[in-house]
Each structure stands twice: as structure tokens, then as C-alpha cells.
């Protein structure tokens, strides 16, 4: 499965290695632009563009609308995941008013 996170290229950090600083929802990481740089998209014109980032690589260029739509879906999925985790946690512990199901230990029995 491929999951790319949208990020905006902030600045070029290493011309020789084609590395750039990319902002992904406020978190900045250095990623390789090797997969998106070509004759039509030279390295020096990448700043400000949006890319899909996967395991340290910008895998493809996307437009801002596509980036925003993807970020919105990812935020919604995150909210759903948080809600499911809360439901799992509450299901693993009995309600506070539930009777105890523990068997009392028998003292002195062998």
C-alpha cells in the first residue's frame, strides 16, 4: 500500500543531492526531490510546489487543491482512528457499576 502525505516545498537544502525542506502540516522534514525533478520541473523552480511525500521521497507533484483535499481526508481519518481507539479502550474495561467477575481466593485450601 502506498500512502503519500502532501507537503509544500519550503527550500532547497542540497542542490547536488536534490534535497529539500518540505512542510507537512507544520512539520518540516528534509526529503529527496529526485523523483519529481526533470527538464519540465527543474530543482530551482520547486520551492512553493506541493508534493506527495512517502518514506523520505517526494513521489509526485500535485496541485494545492489536491493537497488540501488529501489533508482534509487524512485529518478526518485521524479523528475516526482516535474515536475507534477510545471505543476499544472503553470496551476493554468493564463499566464502573458492573459487578465483579473475579473469583474470590479460597484461603487455607490445598
Protein backbone atom coordinates (compact mmCIF):
# COMPACT_ATOMS: atom_id res chain seq x y z
CA UNK A 1 0.00 0.00 0.00
CA UNK A 2 1.24 3.46 -0.86
CA UNK A 3 0.39 6.38 1.37
CA UNK A 4 1.67 9.76 0.32
CA UNK A 5 1.34 12.75 2.62
CA UNK A 6 1.00 16.16 0.94
CA UNK A 7 3.71 18.67 1.74
CA UNK A 8 4.86 22.00 0.38
CA UNK A 9 8.47 22.53 -0.62
CA UNK A 10 9.91 25.30 1.56
CA UNK A 11 13.53 25.49 0.39
CA UNK A 12 16.22 23.56 -1.41
CA UNK A 13 18.75 22.26 1.14
CA UNK A 14 21.23 20.36 -1.05
CA UNK A 15 21.43 21.01 -4.79
CA UNK A 16 23.84 18.16 -5.53
CA UNK A 17 21.71 15.52 -3.75
CA UNK A 18 18.39 17.17 -4.83
CA UNK A 19 17.19 17.51 -1.24
CA UNK A 20 14.62 19.99 0.04
CA UNK A 21 12.86 21.01 3.21
CA UNK A 22 9.16 20.14 2.92
CA UNK A 23 6.42 21.36 5.27
CA UNK A 24 3.87 18.65 6.06
CA UNK A 25 1.08 20.15 8.18
CA UNK A 26 3.51 22.29 10.15
CA UNK A 27 6.22 19.64 10.48
CA UNK A 28 9.27 20.26 8.33
CA UNK A 29 11.36 17.37 7.02
CA UNK A 30 14.14 17.02 4.53
CA UNK A 31 13.14 14.86 1.57
CA UNK A 32 14.61 13.86 -1.75
CA UNK A 33 13.16 15.53 -4.86
CA UNK A 34 14.92 13.08 -7.16
CA UNK A 35 11.63 11.52 -8.34
CA UNK A 36 9.98 14.83 -9.28
CA UNK A 37 12.83 16.84 -10.79
CA UNK A 38 13.12 16.71 -14.58
CA UNK A 39 13.51 19.02 -17.58
CA UNK A 40 9.95 20.34 -17.10
CA UNK A 41 10.32 20.80 -13.31
CA UNK A 42 13.90 21.86 -12.57
CA UNK A 43 15.15 21.85 -8.99
CA UNK A 44 15.49 25.63 -8.81
CA UNK A 45 11.77 26.08 -9.54
CA UNK A 46 10.42 23.59 -6.98
CA UNK A 47 10.05 25.92 -3.97
CA UNK A 48 6.38 26.56 -3.26
CA UNK A 49 5.16 23.47 -5.12
CA UNK A 50 3.17 20.69 -3.44
CA UNK A 51 4.33 17.07 -3.48
CA UNK A 52 3.23 13.70 -2.14
CA UNK A 53 5.88 12.52 0.34
CA UNK A 54 6.48 8.85 1.08
CA UNK A 55 9.39 7.47 3.16
CA UNK A 56 11.63 10.48 2.60
CA UNK A 57 10.92 10.95 -1.10
CA UNK A 58 8.69 13.39 -2.94
CA UNK A 59 6.95 10.87 -5.19
CA UNK A 60 4.88 13.22 -7.36
CA UNK A 61 3.92 16.83 -7.84
CA UNK A 62 0.32 17.75 -7.01
CA UNK A 63 -1.66 20.96 -7.10
CA UNK A 64 -2.72 22.87 -4.00
CA UNK A 65 -6.38 21.84 -4.27
CA UNK A 66 -5.46 18.16 -4.38
CA UNK A 67 -3.12 18.67 -1.41
CA UNK A 68 -5.85 20.34 0.67
CA UNK A 69 -8.41 17.66 -0.20
CA UNK A 70 -5.99 14.90 0.75
CA UNK A 71 -5.04 16.62 4.02
CA UNK A 72 -8.73 17.02 4.87
CA UNK A 73 -9.37 13.30 4.37
CA UNK A 74 -6.29 12.39 6.42
CA UNK A 75 -7.45 14.66 9.27
CA UNK A 76 -10.89 13.03 9.17
CA UNK A 77 -9.32 9.56 9.21
CA UNK A 78 -7.23 10.61 12.19
CA UNK A 79 -10.35 11.70 14.04
CA UNK A 80 -12.03 8.39 13.22
CA UNK A 81 -8.95 6.48 14.38
CA UNK A 82 -8.89 8.41 17.66
CA UNK A 83 -12.59 7.66 18.22
CA UNK A 84 -12.09 3.94 17.44
CA UNK A 85 -9.13 3.79 19.84
CA UNK A 86 -11.27 5.38 22.58
CA UNK A 87 -14.04 2.86 21.90
CA UNK A 88 -11.56 -0.05 22.06
CA UNK A 89 -10.13 1.25 25.31
CA UNK A 90 -13.53 1.64 26.92
CA UNK A 91 -14.61 -1.81 25.71
CA UNK A 92 -11.59 -3.48 27.32
CA UNK A 93 -12.51 -2.30 30.81
CA UNK A 94 -15.89 -3.03 32.42
CA UNK A 95 -18.14 -0.13 33.39
CA UNK A 96 -17.56 1.16 36.91
CA UNK A 97 -21.01 -0.05 38.04
CA UNK A 98 -20.59 -3.61 36.65
CA UNK A 99 -20.46 -6.45 39.20
CA UNK A 100 -17.07 -8.05 39.73
CA UNK A 101 -16.45 -11.28 37.85
CA UNK A 102 -13.38 -12.19 39.86
CA UNK A 103 -13.48 -15.45 41.75
CA UNK A 104 -12.53 -14.91 45.38
CA UNK A 105 -9.46 -16.79 46.53
CA UNK A 106 -10.09 -19.59 48.96
CA UNK A 107 -7.83 -19.15 51.94
CA UNK A 108 -6.35 -22.23 53.61
CA UNK A 109 -7.47 -24.69 50.91
CA UNK A 110 -4.95 -27.10 49.41
